[in-house]
């Protein structure tokens, strides 16, 4: 059979008969098998009086490939045939299915699609490839239903980093891991035979993926339940709005919208609700300026900063190695106003104001201030020192500041200052931490060190009490940070009862530490000997050491180290 487009259909096992001549009108039954290029079959199905293809908004050549199938038509033998009186049953398989422009430049490039046709509807389901990405597609058309009642076209795929890149989805810096994604299209554009892309809906299961919001210092770990959905509105100029953007799940509620340019780069976003856990309640607005800088403003009553501080300390965010790991080359101007910033061990800061500037992923400006426990000021600033970036931090309550960021929970009181040379090296940074007039309470490692016979002989048995308060006058800790490691170099601490030196490395990536040093019981008495000219230098030795020096080592797992004295 040759159809209008010149293609041929190979028809076999064809049969026409009247099932029961007693019926009025008589019902003619046509059955046949067919094999042909798919456009030939769709052209035949579009002949009058059927019009099954154009009648549902398609063009006969909308689908390529080859088709084989079996069809049965029950046709009333009357002069003026109403197509709705034709009863149809058919099943076909489309091989090498091809359709251009499924969504924008995304086309079905091959696969197998099974088609089923009845008098009421036609449906197609199968496994196809879109830009070499495996996907499943499902479409159903109800012949006599209005557009508002037509089921959506759905395309489902499991996307990982390479397949997201292949589809032009530039989200791999935010999404880590595989995600099942389904795209729902509202139907076919009238007269084009192509899916209507003016109101698509995307739904994704993010449970097994990790989400990283670097600019906001937040991440969702893999395994935490989360669902993503948004409506895709394509604009005539090529830009796209992601409306009704939602990420919801276990302890998650992020609602808003995102605007993308023609290259699918974010131009603006608005999240009136950005909430995770029970402690974060924020709103976030962002706009990419004409100079390419993303201007971000965050405000809220409360922000749980524990993930941010954990990342800052253990994931090496102060060094360029972190920039390499995240491929961060962004230009950002960020301002944030937070009523209550929550940290570790029930610590918090109030009235927090932060302004931050990044260029090419590098931190070039930072100014932050707040009140620790609502009382003592804390300030962080990035300064310029003869062309080098120097990060400084000062806190009038060192103990609360250390607990806030999860650095050390056993320190109480004191004043602290931090100074970090951000340009000391390509990967590593150097800095010095200083603390004055503080106490250490309830440190199990210190208790283990002081429980050896040498210490108890000098300090007495009570020194083994892990809850005992040990007062110190000052601490000085020069360090090198980089590659996920924190290296101490000749750090010392001293007070009336105890002094110590400390050297070694903490590896945050491997969660291990290897530290060693010397501690001096009755440091005040030992240091008095140091005031004796000539003899004092011989007896006492280096800063932090004394006449009675006991060596120790702390090694093993970061969460459960072994103490050797």
Protein backbone atom coordinates (compact mmCIF):
# COMPACT_ATOMS: atom_id res chain seq x y z
CA UNK A 1 0.00 0.00 0.00
CA UNK A 2 1.42 3.35 -1.05
CA UNK A 3 0.35 6.32 1.08
CA UNK A 4 0.29 10.04 0.36
CA UNK A 5 3.88 10.70 1.37
CA UNK A 6 5.09 8.10 -1.16
CA UNK A 7 6.10 5.51 1.46
CA UNK A 8 4.86 1.95 1.29
CA UNK A 9 3.23 -0.27 3.87
CA UNK A 10 3.68 -3.99 3.59
CA UNK A 11 0.29 -5.46 4.47
CA UNK A 12 -0.18 -9.14 5.21
CA UNK A 13 -2.87 -11.38 6.59
CA UNK A 14 -5.44 -8.82 5.54
CA UNK A 15 -9.09 -9.76 5.86
CA UNK A 16 -12.45 -8.09 5.48
CA UNK A 17 -15.68 -9.69 6.52
CA UNK A 18 -19.12 -8.95 7.88
CA UNK A 19 -19.49 -10.62 11.22
CA UNK A 20 -23.32 -10.81 11.22
CA UNK A 21 -25.39 -9.78 8.20
CA UNK A 22 -28.48 -9.66 10.40
CA UNK A 23 -27.23 -6.55 12.16
CA UNK A 24 -28.45 -3.19 11.01
CA UNK A 25 -26.31 -1.55 10.04
CA UNK A 26 -23.91 -4.26 9.02
CA UNK A 27 -20.55 -4.14 10.78
CA UNK A 28 -17.52 -4.57 8.57
CA UNK A 29 -14.45 -5.98 10.22
CA UNK A 30 -10.98 -5.24 8.86
CA UNK A 31 -7.92 -7.02 10.26
CA UNK A 32 -4.37 -6.88 8.99
CA UNK A 33 -0.71 -6.98 9.89
CA UNK A 34 1.50 -4.14 8.79
CA UNK A 35 5.21 -3.35 8.55
CA UNK A 36 6.51 -0.02 7.33
CA UNK A 37 8.44 3.13 8.16
CA UNK A 38 6.58 4.72 11.06
CA UNK A 39 5.62 7.92 9.10
CA UNK A 40 3.83 5.70 6.52
CA UNK A 41 1.67 4.12 9.24
CA UNK A 42 0.83 7.47 10.85
CA UNK A 43 -0.06 8.88 7.41
CA UNK A 44 -2.47 5.97 6.83
CA UNK A 45 -4.07 6.46 10.25
CA UNK A 46 -4.63 10.12 9.37
CA UNK A 47 -6.72 9.39 6.26
CA UNK A 48 -10.33 10.46 6.23
CA UNK A 49 -12.60 9.59 7.82
CA UNK A 50 -10.22 8.56 10.58
CA UNK A 51 -7.97 11.57 11.10
CA UNK A 52 -6.44 9.94 14.17
CA UNK A 53 -3.12 11.83 13.91
CA UNK A 54 -4.08 15.41 13.01
CA UNK A 55 -7.14 15.01 15.21
CA UNK A 56 -4.92 14.79 18.29
CA UNK A 57 -2.64 17.67 17.29
CA UNK A 58 0.12 15.65 15.64
CA UNK A 59 1.65 15.70 12.19
CA UNK A 60 1.96 12.36 10.36
CA UNK A 61 5.75 12.69 10.18
CA UNK A 62 6.22 13.48 13.89
CA UNK A 63 7.79 10.08 14.59
CA UNK A 64 10.56 8.23 12.77
CA UNK A 65 11.71 4.61 12.82
CA UNK A 66 9.99 1.44 11.72
CA UNK A 67 6.69 -0.04 12.87
CA UNK A 68 5.13 -3.47 12.92
CA UNK A 69 1.71 -4.24 14.32
CA UNK A 70 -1.70 -5.84 14.18
CA UNK A 71 -4.93 -3.86 13.83
CA UNK A 72 -8.66 -4.56 13.89
CA UNK A 73 -11.28 -2.04 12.71
CA UNK A 74 -15.02 -2.55 13.30
CA UNK A 75 -16.67 -0.13 10.84
CA UNK A 76 -20.39 0.47 10.48
CA UNK A 77 -21.25 0.09 6.76
CA UNK A 78 -23.17 3.35 6.36
CA UNK A 79 -22.95 6.21 3.89
CA UNK A 80 -22.23 9.01 6.36
CA UNK A 81 -19.76 7.47 8.74
CA UNK A 82 -19.17 9.09 12.11
CA UNK A 83 -15.53 8.37 13.14
CA UNK A 84 -16.69 7.96 16.72
CA UNK A 85 -18.65 4.88 15.67
CA UNK A 86 -15.48 3.06 14.54
CA UNK A 87 -14.24 0.51 17.05
CA UNK A 88 -10.51 0.01 16.99
CA UNK A 89 -8.09 -2.40 18.62
CA UNK A 90 -4.44 -2.30 17.66
CA UNK A 91 -0.97 -2.91 18.97
CA UNK A 92 2.29 -1.91 17.33
CA UNK A 93 5.96 -1.84 18.16
CA UNK A 94 8.13 1.04 16.99
CA UNK A 95 11.82 0.25 16.52
CA UNK A 96 14.52 2.93 16.36
CA UNK A 97 11.98 5.51 17.47
CA UNK A 98 13.04 9.04 16.56
CA UNK A 99 11.29 12.33 17.20
CA UNK A 100 13.04 15.72 16.93
CA UNK A 101 12.58 18.48 19.48
CA UNK A 102 10.88 16.54 22.26
CA UNK A 103 11.85 19.41 24.58
CA UNK A 104 13.89 22.21 23.04
CA UNK A 105 16.96 20.56 21.52
CA UNK A 106 16.32 17.29 23.35
CA UNK A 107 15.15 14.64 20.87
CA UNK A 108 14.33 10.94 21.10
CA UNK A 109 17.24 9.40 19.23
CA UNK A 110 16.32 5.72 19.32
CA UNK A 111 14.64 3.02 21.32
CA UNK A 112 11.60 0.79 21.33
CA UNK A 113 8.08 2.11 21.91
CA UNK A 114 4.95 0.00 22.26
CA UNK A 115 1.74 1.60 20.99
CA UNK A 116 -1.77 0.53 21.89
CA UNK A 117 -4.86 1.96 20.24
CA UNK A 118 -8.53 1.68 21.12
CA UNK A 119 -11.60 3.59 20.04
CA UNK A 120 -11.17 5.89 23.01
CA UNK A 121 -7.42 6.49 23.17
CA UNK A 122 -3.95 5.81 21.93
CA UNK A 123 -1.02 5.27 24.27
CA UNK A 124 2.71 4.84 23.77
CA UNK A 125 5.27 3.60 26.31
CA UNK A 126 8.86 2.48 25.92
CA UNK A 127 12.54 2.84 26.60
CA UNK A 128 14.38 5.38 24.50
CA UNK A 129 17.58 7.42 24.46
CA UNK A 130 17.81 11.20 24.65
CA UNK A 131 21.31 12.55 23.99
CA UNK A 132 22.62 9.04 24.74
CA UNK A 133 20.84 9.09 28.10
CA UNK A 134 18.51 6.11 28.74
CA UNK A 135 14.96 7.20 29.53
CA UNK A 136 11.43 5.85 29.60
CA UNK A 137 8.56 7.70 27.95
CA UNK A 138 4.81 7.42 28.36
CA UNK A 139 2.10 9.22 26.40
CA UNK A 140 -1.66 8.78 26.19
CA UNK A 141 -4.19 10.67 24.14
CA UNK A 142 -7.92 10.53 24.88
CA UNK A 143 -9.60 11.05 21.52
CA UNK A 144 -12.72 12.86 22.62
CA UNK A 145 -11.66 14.55 25.84
CA UNK A 146 -10.85 18.28 26.13
CA UNK A 147 -7.25 19.43 26.59
CA UNK A 148 -7.83 20.05 30.29
CA UNK A 149 -8.48 16.34 30.81
CA UNK A 150 -5.59 14.98 28.74
CA UNK A 151 -2.93 13.04 30.72
CA UNK A 152 0.55 14.58 30.64
CA UNK A 153 3.44 13.20 28.65
CA UNK A 154 6.06 11.84 31.04
CA UNK A 155 9.76 11.24 30.49
CA UNK A 156 11.72 9.52 33.30
CA UNK A 157 15.47 9.00 33.66
CA UNK A 158 17.99 8.33 36.39
CA UNK A 159 20.59 11.09 36.16
CA UNK A 160 24.13 11.10 37.49
CA UNK A 161 26.88 13.67 36.92
CA UNK A 162 27.79 12.63 33.30
CA UNK A 163 24.16 12.35 32.16
CA UNK A 164 23.27 15.72 33.73
CA UNK A 165 26.14 17.24 31.77
CA UNK A 166 24.97 15.52 28.58
CA UNK A 167 21.50 17.05 28.99
CA UNK A 168 22.92 20.50 29.71
CA UNK A 169 21.77 20.56 33.34
CA UNK A 170 24.40 22.68 35.09
CA UNK A 171 23.75 21.55 38.65
CA UNK A 172 26.63 19.15 39.41
CA UNK A 173 28.20 21.63 41.82
CA UNK A 174 24.98 21.44 43.85
CA UNK A 175 23.81 17.84 43.32
CA UNK A 176 26.09 14.87 44.02
CA UNK A 177 24.83 11.36 43.22
CA UNK A 178 22.14 9.67 41.12
CA UNK A 179 18.60 11.04 41.10
CA UNK A 180 15.43 9.65 39.47
CA UNK A 181 13.88 12.53 37.52
CA UNK A 182 10.51 12.73 35.75
CA UNK A 183 9.51 15.50 33.35
CA UNK A 184 5.79 16.02 32.82
CA UNK A 185 4.59 17.90 29.74
CA UNK A 186 1.07 19.22 29.66
CA UNK A 187 0.34 17.90 26.18
CA UNK A 188 0.90 18.85 22.57
CA UNK A 189 1.12 22.35 21.14
CA UNK A 190 -1.77 22.89 18.79
CA UNK A 191 -0.77 22.60 15.15
CA UNK A 192 2.89 21.79 15.80
CA UNK A 193 2.73 18.12 16.69
CA UNK A 194 5.35 18.76 19.36
CA UNK A 195 5.05 18.67 23.15
CA UNK A 196 3.82 21.86 24.78
CA UNK A 197 6.84 23.14 26.73
CA UNK A 198 5.17 26.29 28.06
CA UNK A 199 4.26 24.61 31.34
CA UNK A 200 6.42 21.58 32.09
CA UNK A 201 6.73 20.11 35.58
CA UNK A 202 9.92 18.47 36.89
CA UNK A 203 9.86 16.05 39.82
CA UNK A 204 12.99 14.45 41.31
CA UNK A 205 13.71 12.15 44.22
CA UNK A 206 16.80 13.56 45.96
CA UNK A 207 16.87 11.07 48.82
CA UNK A 208 20.03 9.27 47.67
CA UNK A 209 21.77 12.46 46.54
CA UNK A 210 23.86 14.95 48.46
CA UNK A 211 22.89 18.60 48.06
CA UNK A 212 25.52 21.29 48.56
CA UNK A 213 24.59 24.96 48.92
CA UNK A 214 28.09 26.41 49.27
CA UNK A 215 27.00 30.03 49.44
CA UNK A 216 24.62 29.30 52.33
CA UNK A 217 26.87 26.87 54.20
CA UNK A 218 24.35 24.04 54.11
CA UNK A 219 24.24 20.49 52.76
CA UNK A 220 21.75 17.63 52.71
CA UNK A 221 23.44 14.28 53.24
CA UNK A 222 22.68 11.28 51.05
CA UNK A 223 19.95 9.16 52.63
CA UNK A 224 17.89 12.04 53.99
CA UNK A 225 14.43 12.02 52.42
CA UNK A 226 13.87 14.90 49.99
CA UNK A 227 11.72 15.57 46.93
CA UNK A 228 12.21 18.34 44.37
CA UNK A 229 9.53 19.76 42.11
CA UNK A 230 9.09 22.87 39.99
CA UNK A 231 7.19 24.16 36.98
CA UNK A 232 9.31 24.98 33.91
CA UNK A 233 8.13 28.06 32.05
CA UNK A 234 10.04 28.62 28.81
CA UNK A 235 10.10 32.24 27.72
CA UNK A 236 9.91 33.38 24.06
CA UNK A 237 13.45 34.80 24.20
CA UNK A 238 14.93 31.49 25.37
CA UNK A 239 15.14 32.16 29.10
CA UNK A 240 13.41 29.93 31.65
CA UNK A 241 11.61 30.44 34.94
CA UNK A 242 11.45 27.61 37.46
CA UNK A 243 8.26 28.53 39.28
CA UNK A 244 6.82 26.94 42.42
CA UNK A 245 10.29 25.58 43.20
CA UNK A 246 10.08 23.24 46.19
CA UNK A 247 12.48 20.98 48.07
CA UNK A 248 10.58 19.20 50.81
CA UNK A 249 11.32 16.21 52.99
CA UNK A 250 12.74 15.18 56.33
CA UNK A 251 13.33 18.48 58.12
CA UNK A 252 13.35 20.40 54.82
CA UNK A 253 11.16 23.16 53.43
CA UNK A 254 12.64 25.31 50.66
CA UNK A 255 10.10 27.23 48.58
CA UNK A 256 10.50 29.87 45.88
CA UNK A 257 11.46 30.43 42.27
CA UNK A 258 14.59 30.50 40.08
CA UNK A 259 15.19 32.35 36.81
CA UNK A 260 17.64 31.03 34.18
CA UNK A 261 19.15 32.70 31.11
CA UNK A 262 19.45 31.16 27.63
CA UNK A 263 22.48 29.13 28.79
CA UNK A 264 20.60 27.79 31.84
CA UNK A 265 22.73 29.91 34.18
CA UNK A 266 20.96 31.35 37.24
CA UNK A 267 20.07 35.04 36.85
CA UNK A 268 17.96 35.36 39.99
CA UNK A 269 16.35 33.36 42.76
CA UNK A 270 13.89 34.03 45.51
CA UNK A 271 13.32 31.72 48.45
CA UNK A 272 10.86 33.37 50.85
CA UNK A 273 11.11 30.18 52.90
CA UNK A 274 14.48 28.49 53.38
CA UNK A 275 14.13 26.14 56.32
CA UNK A 276 15.98 23.01 57.37
CA UNK A 277 15.90 21.22 60.68
CA UNK A 278 14.10 22.92 63.54
CA UNK A 279 16.55 25.80 63.97
CA UNK A 280 16.81 27.47 60.56
CA UNK A 281 14.17 29.90 59.37
CA UNK A 282 15.53 32.17 56.65
CA UNK A 283 14.62 33.95 53.43
CA UNK A 284 17.09 34.32 50.57
CA UNK A 285 17.12 36.60 47.53
CA UNK A 286 19.77 36.60 44.79
CA UNK A 287 20.28 38.56 41.58
CA UNK A 288 23.07 38.34 39.03
CA UNK A 289 24.17 41.86 38.15
CA UNK A 290 25.27 43.05 34.71
CA UNK A 291 28.91 42.60 35.78
CA UNK A 292 28.28 38.90 36.42
CA UNK A 293 28.39 39.16 40.21
CA UNK A 294 25.69 37.26 42.09
CA UNK A 295 24.31 39.55 44.76
CA UNK A 296 22.79 37.53 47.62
CA UNK A 297 20.84 38.75 50.61
CA UNK A 298 19.83 36.42 53.45
CA UNK A 299 17.69 37.33 56.45
CA UNK A 300 16.01 35.36 59.16
CA UNK A 301 15.19 34.85 62.79
CA UNK A 302 17.39 31.77 63.20
CA UNK A 303 20.14 29.88 61.37
CA UNK A 304 21.67 26.52 62.33
CA UNK A 305 25.33 27.08 61.43
CA UNK A 306 26.71 23.74 62.63
CA UNK A 307 27.07 22.24 59.14
CA UNK A 308 28.75 25.43 57.98
CA UNK A 309 31.25 25.41 60.86
CA UNK A 310 31.93 21.69 60.38
CA UNK A 311 32.69 22.33 56.72
CA UNK A 312 34.81 25.36 57.58
CA UNK A 313 37.01 23.40 60.02
CA UNK A 314 37.15 19.86 58.68
CA UNK A 315 36.73 20.34 54.93
CA UNK A 316 39.49 22.89 54.58
CA UNK A 317 37.39 25.81 53.42
CA UNK A 318 40.06 28.37 54.25
CA UNK A 319 42.41 27.00 51.60
CA UNK A 320 42.54 26.84 47.83
CA UNK A 321 42.26 23.05 47.94
CA UNK A 322 38.63 23.47 48.91
CA UNK A 323 38.10 25.68 45.90
CA UNK A 324 39.60 23.00 43.65
CA UNK A 325 37.37 20.29 45.14
CA UNK A 326 34.17 22.26 44.56
CA UNK A 327 35.27 23.81 41.23
CA UNK A 328 34.13 27.10 42.71
CA UNK A 329 34.82 30.05 40.41
CA UNK A 330 31.87 32.19 41.45
CA UNK A 331 31.65 35.94 41.96
CA UNK A 332 29.47 36.65 44.99
CA UNK A 333 28.46 39.62 47.12
CA UNK A 334 26.65 38.24 50.17
CA UNK A 335 25.01 40.06 53.06
CA UNK A 336 23.23 38.31 55.90
CA UNK A 337 21.30 39.43 58.96
CA UNK A 338 20.50 36.68 61.46
CA UNK A 339 18.67 37.11 64.73
CA UNK A 340 20.09 33.98 66.34
CA UNK A 341 22.96 31.93 64.94
CA UNK A 342 23.06 28.46 66.53
CA UNK A 343 26.27 26.49 67.04
CA UNK A 344 27.43 23.40 68.88
CA UNK A 345 26.86 22.50 72.54
CA UNK A 346 23.84 24.80 72.96
CA UNK A 347 25.94 27.86 72.12
CA UNK A 348 24.66 30.74 70.03
CA UNK A 349 25.29 34.29 68.87
CA UNK A 350 22.71 37.01 68.37
CA UNK A 351 22.43 40.12 66.19
CA UNK A 352 24.72 38.62 63.56
CA UNK A 353 25.66 40.78 60.54
CA UNK A 354 27.85 39.34 57.78
CA UNK A 355 29.08 40.77 54.49
CA UNK A 356 31.21 38.63 52.19
CA UNK A 357 32.74 39.07 48.75
CA UNK A 358 34.16 36.37 46.47
CA UNK A 359 35.83 36.87 43.12
CA UNK A 360 36.74 33.87 41.00
CA UNK A 361 35.98 31.69 44.01
CA UNK A 362 38.51 33.54 46.19
CA UNK A 363 37.45 35.31 49.36
CA UNK A 364 38.41 38.97 48.90
CA UNK A 365 36.33 40.72 51.58
CA UNK A 366 34.68 39.63 54.84
CA UNK A 367 33.20 41.47 57.75
CA UNK A 368 31.13 39.82 60.43
CA UNK A 369 30.05 40.68 63.92
CA UNK A 370 27.65 39.47 66.59
CA UNK A 371 27.12 38.90 70.30
CA UNK A 372 28.16 35.60 71.88
CA UNK A 373 25.32 34.35 74.11
CA UNK A 374 23.73 37.72 73.40
CA UNK A 375 26.39 39.51 75.49
CA UNK A 376 30.09 39.37 74.49
CA UNK A 377 31.14 40.71 71.07
CA UNK A 378 32.78 38.64 68.36
CA UNK A 379 34.22 40.06 65.16
CA UNK A 380 35.66 38.52 61.99
CA UNK A 381 37.36 40.57 59.29
CA UNK A 382 39.50 40.09 56.18
CA UNK A 383 42.25 42.72 56.10
CA UNK A 384 44.83 43.77 53.56
CA UNK A 385 48.41 43.56 54.83
CA UNK A 386 50.83 44.81 52.16
CA UNK A 387 48.90 43.06 49.40
CA UNK A 388 48.26 39.85 51.35
CA UNK A 389 44.85 38.82 52.64
CA UNK A 390 44.85 38.34 56.40
CA UNK A 391 41.83 36.89 58.17
CA UNK A 392 41.43 38.14 61.74
CA UNK A 393 38.92 37.13 64.41
CA UNK A 394 38.49 38.42 67.96
CA UNK A 395 36.16 37.13 70.67
CA UNK A 396 35.60 38.44 74.18
CA UNK A 397 34.36 34.99 75.27
CA UNK A 398 36.79 32.44 73.87
CA UNK A 399 35.02 29.46 75.45
CA UNK A 400 31.67 30.23 73.85
CA UNK A 401 33.33 31.03 70.53
CA UNK A 402 35.16 27.67 70.52
CA UNK A 403 31.96 25.79 71.37
CA UNK A 404 29.97 27.76 68.81
CA UNK A 405 32.09 26.52 65.90
CA UNK A 406 32.66 23.05 67.34
CA UNK A 407 36.38 23.58 67.81
CA UNK A 408 36.84 22.77 71.53
CA UNK A 409 34.16 22.36 74.17
CA UNK A 410 36.19 22.25 77.39
CA UNK A 411 37.47 25.83 77.39
CA UNK A 412 35.75 28.44 79.55
CA UNK A 413 36.01 32.22 79.46
CA UNK A 414 39.05 34.07 78.18
CA UNK A 415 39.68 36.34 75.21
CA UNK A 416 40.79 34.93 71.86
CA UNK A 417 42.35 36.30 68.70
CA UNK A 418 43.02 34.53 65.41
CA UNK A 419 45.19 35.66 62.55
CA UNK A 420 45.48 33.70 59.28
CA UNK A 421 47.61 34.64 56.27
CA UNK A 422 45.36 33.61 53.37
CA UNK A 423 48.11 34.13 50.79
CA UNK A 424 50.94 32.28 52.54
CA UNK A 425 50.88 29.47 49.95
CA UNK A 426 48.96 28.02 47.06
CA UNK A 427 47.43 25.25 49.16
CA UNK A 428 48.47 25.78 52.79
CA UNK A 429 47.75 28.80 54.97
CA UNK A 430 49.60 29.87 58.10
CA UNK A 431 48.11 31.39 61.19
CA UNK A 432 48.33 31.89 64.93
CA UNK A 433 45.66 31.41 67.58
CA UNK A 434 46.06 33.25 70.90
CA UNK A 435 43.92 32.92 74.04
CA UNK A 436 44.43 34.66 77.39
CA UNK A 437 43.02 34.16 80.91
CA UNK A 438 40.91 31.06 80.43
CA UNK A 439 40.24 27.69 82.08
CA UNK A 440 39.91 24.10 80.92
CA UNK A 441 37.18 21.99 82.54
CA UNK A 442 36.13 18.40 81.88
CA UNK A 443 38.68 17.44 79.22
CA UNK A 444 39.08 13.65 79.30
CA UNK A 445 42.35 13.74 77.35
CA UNK A 446 43.89 16.21 79.79
CA UNK A 447 42.69 14.00 82.65
CA UNK A 448 44.38 10.97 81.05
CA UNK A 449 47.64 12.88 80.64
CA UNK A 450 47.59 14.03 84.27
CA UNK A 451 46.73 10.61 85.68
CA UNK A 452 50.24 9.16 85.26
CA UNK A 453 52.32 8.56 88.46
CA UNK A 454 54.70 11.44 87.72
CA UNK A 455 51.87 13.97 87.68
CA UNK A 456 50.12 12.66 90.76
CA UNK A 457 53.41 12.67 92.68
CA UNK A 458 53.77 16.39 91.97
CA UNK A 459 50.16 17.61 91.80
CA UNK A 460 48.41 15.17 94.08
CA UNK A 461 45.75 12.51 93.45
CA UNK A 462 42.97 15.07 93.02
CA UNK A 463 44.49 16.15 89.71
CA UNK A 464 42.97 13.05 88.10
CA UNK A 465 39.49 14.51 88.51
CA UNK A 466 38.34 15.10 84.92
CA UNK A 467 35.96 17.86 86.04
CA UNK A 468 38.65 19.84 87.83
CA UNK A 469 39.12 23.40 86.63
CA UNK A 470 42.65 24.20 85.45
CA UNK A 471 43.42 27.90 84.99
CA UNK A 472 45.74 29.15 82.23
CA UNK A 473 47.19 32.57 81.59
CA UNK A 474 47.83 32.25 77.88
CA UNK A 475 47.89 29.98 74.87
CA UNK A 476 49.77 30.52 71.64
CA UNK A 477 49.26 28.06 68.77
CA UNK A 478 51.02 28.69 65.44
CA UNK A 479 49.52 26.40 62.79
CA UNK A 480 49.53 25.45 59.11
CA UNK A 481 46.21 24.53 57.46
CA UNK A 482 45.85 22.85 54.09
CA UNK A 483 44.93 19.63 52.34
CA UNK A 484 42.39 18.79 55.02
CA UNK A 485 45.10 18.89 57.70
CA UNK A 486 45.78 21.12 60.66
CA UNK A 487 49.43 21.13 61.76
CA UNK A 488 50.56 22.59 65.08
CA UNK A 489 54.12 23.86 65.33
CA UNK A 490 55.53 24.59 68.81
CA UNK A 491 52.26 25.56 70.37
CA UNK A 492 52.35 26.27 74.09
CA UNK A 493 49.97 26.93 76.97
CA UNK A 494 50.82 27.96 80.52
CA UNK A 495 49.24 28.79 83.84
CA UNK A 496 49.94 28.67 87.59
CA UNK A 497 49.48 24.90 87.85
CA UNK A 498 50.40 23.57 84.44
CA UNK A 499 52.27 24.38 81.26
CA UNK A 500 52.65 22.38 78.06
CA UNK A 501 54.06 22.42 74.55
CA UNK A 502 52.37 20.67 71.64
CA UNK A 503 53.33 19.67 68.10
CA UNK A 504 51.81 17.40 65.49
CA UNK A 505 49.04 17.00 62.91
CA UNK A 506 45.27 16.61 62.88
CA UNK A 507 43.98 14.98 59.66
CA UNK A 508 40.32 15.90 59.30
CA UNK A 509 39.86 13.89 56.09
CA UNK A 510 41.06 10.64 57.71
CA UNK A 511 39.67 11.64 61.13
CA UNK A 512 43.00 10.91 62.79
CA UNK A 513 45.53 12.84 64.89
CA UNK A 514 49.15 12.47 65.87
CA UNK A 515 50.19 14.97 68.53
CA UNK A 516 53.03 15.03 71.03
CA UNK A 517 54.64 17.37 73.50
CA UNK A 518 55.79 18.05 77.01
CA UNK A 519 53.76 19.22 79.98
CA UNK A 520 55.10 20.79 83.16
CA UNK A 521 53.26 20.40 86.50
CA UNK A 522 53.51 23.45 88.80
CA UNK A 523 54.42 25.64 85.85
CA UNK A 524 54.35 28.79 88.01
CA UNK A 525 57.12 27.48 90.24
CA UNK A 526 59.15 26.30 87.26
CA UNK A 527 58.82 29.61 85.47
CA UNK A 528 60.03 31.41 88.61
CA UNK A 529 63.29 29.52 88.25
CA UNK A 530 63.48 30.88 84.73
CA UNK A 531 63.89 34.36 86.15
CA UNK A 532 67.26 33.38 87.63
CA UNK A 533 69.96 34.85 85.31
CA UNK A 534 71.92 32.27 83.27
CA UNK A 535 70.85 29.36 85.52
CA UNK A 536 67.20 29.86 84.62
CA UNK A 537 67.86 29.49 80.91
CA UNK A 538 69.76 26.26 81.50
CA UNK A 539 67.16 24.75 83.84
CA UNK A 540 63.91 25.83 82.17
CA UNK A 541 64.73 25.58 78.48
CA UNK A 542 62.26 26.55 75.73
CA UNK A 543 59.10 28.60 76.12
CA UNK A 544 56.46 26.48 77.90
CA UNK A 545 58.89 23.88 79.30
CA UNK A 546 60.51 23.73 82.72
CA UNK A 547 62.60 21.78 85.22
CA UNK A 548 60.00 18.98 85.56
CA UNK A 549 58.96 18.12 81.99
CA UNK A 550 56.88 15.02 81.18
CA UNK A 551 56.47 13.96 77.56
CA UNK A 552 53.16 12.70 76.20
CA UNK A 553 51.55 11.69 72.91
CA UNK A 554 47.95 11.70 71.67
CA UNK A 555 47.35 9.43 68.68
CA UNK A 556 44.66 7.52 66.82
CA UNK A 557 41.06 8.28 65.98
CA UNK A 558 39.98 11.89 66.27
CA UNK A 559 36.85 10.92 68.22
CA UNK A 560 38.58 8.42 70.53
CA UNK A 561 42.33 9.06 70.75
CA UNK A 562 44.88 7.06 72.70
CA UNK A 563 46.97 8.95 75.29
CA UNK A 564 50.56 7.85 75.95
CA UNK A 565 52.60 9.38 78.82
